[in-house]
Amino acid sequence: MGLSDIALSAGQLDRTGQEPANIIEFIESSWGLNIQLYPVQRVILKAHYGLELDDNDPFIVTDWRRQNPQYFTEREYLEFLFLQKRSNIREVIPGVQRRELVLSIGRRSGKTFLCACVVAYEVYKLLLKGDPQTFYGVPKTNTIGLISVATDKDQAGLLYTEASGHFSECVYFKPYTANNTMSYAKFQTPADIKRFGRYVDDPTAKATIKVSFKSCVAKGLRGAGNIVIILDELAHFNEAGQSDALTIYRAVKPSLAAFSPKDPKTKMPLQIRGPDGGLIPAVEGRILSISSPLGKQGFFFQKFRQGFTGGLESQNMLCIQAPSWEVNPTIEATFLAEEYATDSISFFTEYGADFTDRTSGWLEPEHLLACVDARLRPAHRAPLRAPHFMGLDISAGKIDGDYCAVAIGHLDDEGRIVLDLIERIRAGEGDYKNQDKLSFDDITEWLFNLSRRFYISSGIFDQWAGLPFEMALHKRGLTQCNSVFFTKQLSSQLFQNFKDLMYERKIVLYDWPLENSTSPESAHSAHINELLELQQEVQSKYLILVQAPQIKGKFDDMSDAMFRMAWEATQHLGKRKYIAGNIGRGPQHQSEGSYMDVARAQKKARTMSRLGGSSPDRQRSAINRHMSRGRR
């Protein structure tokens, strides 16, 4: 008896032990979903389920203009993706499934369709087991869940409609369907029918397979065991009133753990050979994260990059990035051209599925570089008693960890904030090359030495650095440096403040020394490059997160220090005593004041220096006017 006969035989409900068809057969066969897949969709599903790729029949892949055709077999296409760093695997080992799929594909690629096909196929496999609870060693009355989490009820409804259509049109499911609502569908296993009777005869009869469609609110997702989890549009799980992607992932991932085949005698999980040849538990739960991206930030991007690490955490992962025009060859070139003309910047993220900096970059280069004074250089010291502001970004400074960074600036006579100096330190580098970790004493000594060169009127750092660090600073006389609890709201204000200053040309930056670059026009200093690489993640209407790209070797410590310095300086705008002026700052800073103006300013500086400062070394001696008081 063939598979078609089996599916149509509604009277033969117990099919325990029969080998299931593979997912491609299930989707494309007349007894299954009876839908023809596109070539790239076949490659994705085959790689996910460990099915051998075809190497005989080539298909066409074009660019978004439907030009420059290339011909690939399934095997060649996956290798093509791998060489372009769009896939974390080069080939499929037949029989080796990668049960965590992270799929970045563009709009109109059929993301919802692929999710619905996987849901339908996994329900089919559960029903074919006859008694899946016994197979997985869970209590017979336990519900086995398949859950799809979407950005909102509307998105979840789209997936429900797609999956519900499969359940209704595929004759295989008819004998087992219990009930459907707008948020879930239930099925009776053959064992359920034997134990509790058929649902069509008794609506109270228990059905132990449940497919749920929910929006991304974590509190409603914990508890139940799920053999399949689909996170639909994961990159967009951060709207107001919803849970973020990491919270959702952590809420649902543990529910997969129970679903491994158990030895009938020992009740222990069976083992299979993994991609590296070692024995691993045969866990059959799978999690699919499918989305169009939002740039190089956020949990979705982190999960995608995790698949390329090559470690234990990635051996069960399949990560693929493919644009709409490759996945769905039926999208018209005219439509894509219109979308490109409408918004050429977002086009390659929305349809190209590209983790690009272009749409998520926080600052526009032309606006930032307009604030750069090409003549300006880092200041080694400043005039006595000239008020300066300090922003700190403190970390433990471990080798290969984050840096500790400091930014120092002042207000000039035009009310602009001028960056005087930005520095950073880390264990294993420079003066700390023989240390594995920086201590509070190392950091406070570094800052104290800076205070001997600049009169610091005030400074701020994140309170996560801790009360001990604040006490250590105050012990060295830096009592003007205080911790601040940077809430999401306050951090958003700091980011916006810096951006406003940039747009209004109220901040002046130096761009020196230049880092190596292939093009002299694109060469910038480390802190300017860092600012240009920052990524923005919109968390709600009034909250944004600005951080470095989630890539090893990228940092945002100097940027955070600058934001805090600029914020502190902004709080003192309009207060004359905090305007450092241009006296004594070199030709690039001097105003056109007369000689008498300069003389009066210098006399005032000498008088004010006797009133104290950020460090005794920065104060004039009352005994010898040509000497500083110093500290012994």
Foldseek 3Di string as FASTA:
>chain_A
DDPLVVLQPLVPQAQAPDDDDQLQCQCCPPLHVNDDFDLVLVLQSCQQQLHAFDAPDWDWFDPLLRDDIDIGGSLRVLLVCVVVVQKQDNGGHHPAHQQEEQEAEFPPLCLLVSVLSVVRVVVVVCQNNLQQCVQLVHDSQAAEEAEEEEAALVVLQVSLVNNVVRCVPNSSNVQFWQDDDSFKTFGAHNVQCVVFNGCVVPVVRGTRYMYGRYYAALVPAADGAYLEYEYEALQNNQEPPGDHSVSNCVRHVVSQPSAAGADSVPRHFDWDAFPVRDTDGRRRRHYYYYHQHQAQDGDSNVVLVVLNPPDPVNRSYIGGYAFSCRSPVPDDSVVLVVVCVVPVQCSCRNGVSDNHCRRFFDDDLVLQVVQEDAVDDAAPFDAFLQEKEKFWEDDFQFVLDAWTKMWIWAAAPVRATETRDIDIDHACDDPRVVPRTDDLVNVLVVVLVRCLRYFYQAYEYACVVDPVSQVVNVVSQQVRYYHDHCDQLNVLVLSVLVVVCSNVSRYHYYWDDWDDDPDPVPTTHPLSVLSRQWGWDDNYPRGIDIWHRPDRPHGCRRVSGVSRSSVVNVVCRPPVSRHSYQQPVDPVRDDPDDPVVNVVVVVVSLVVLVVDTSHQSSGADPVDRVHGPDDD
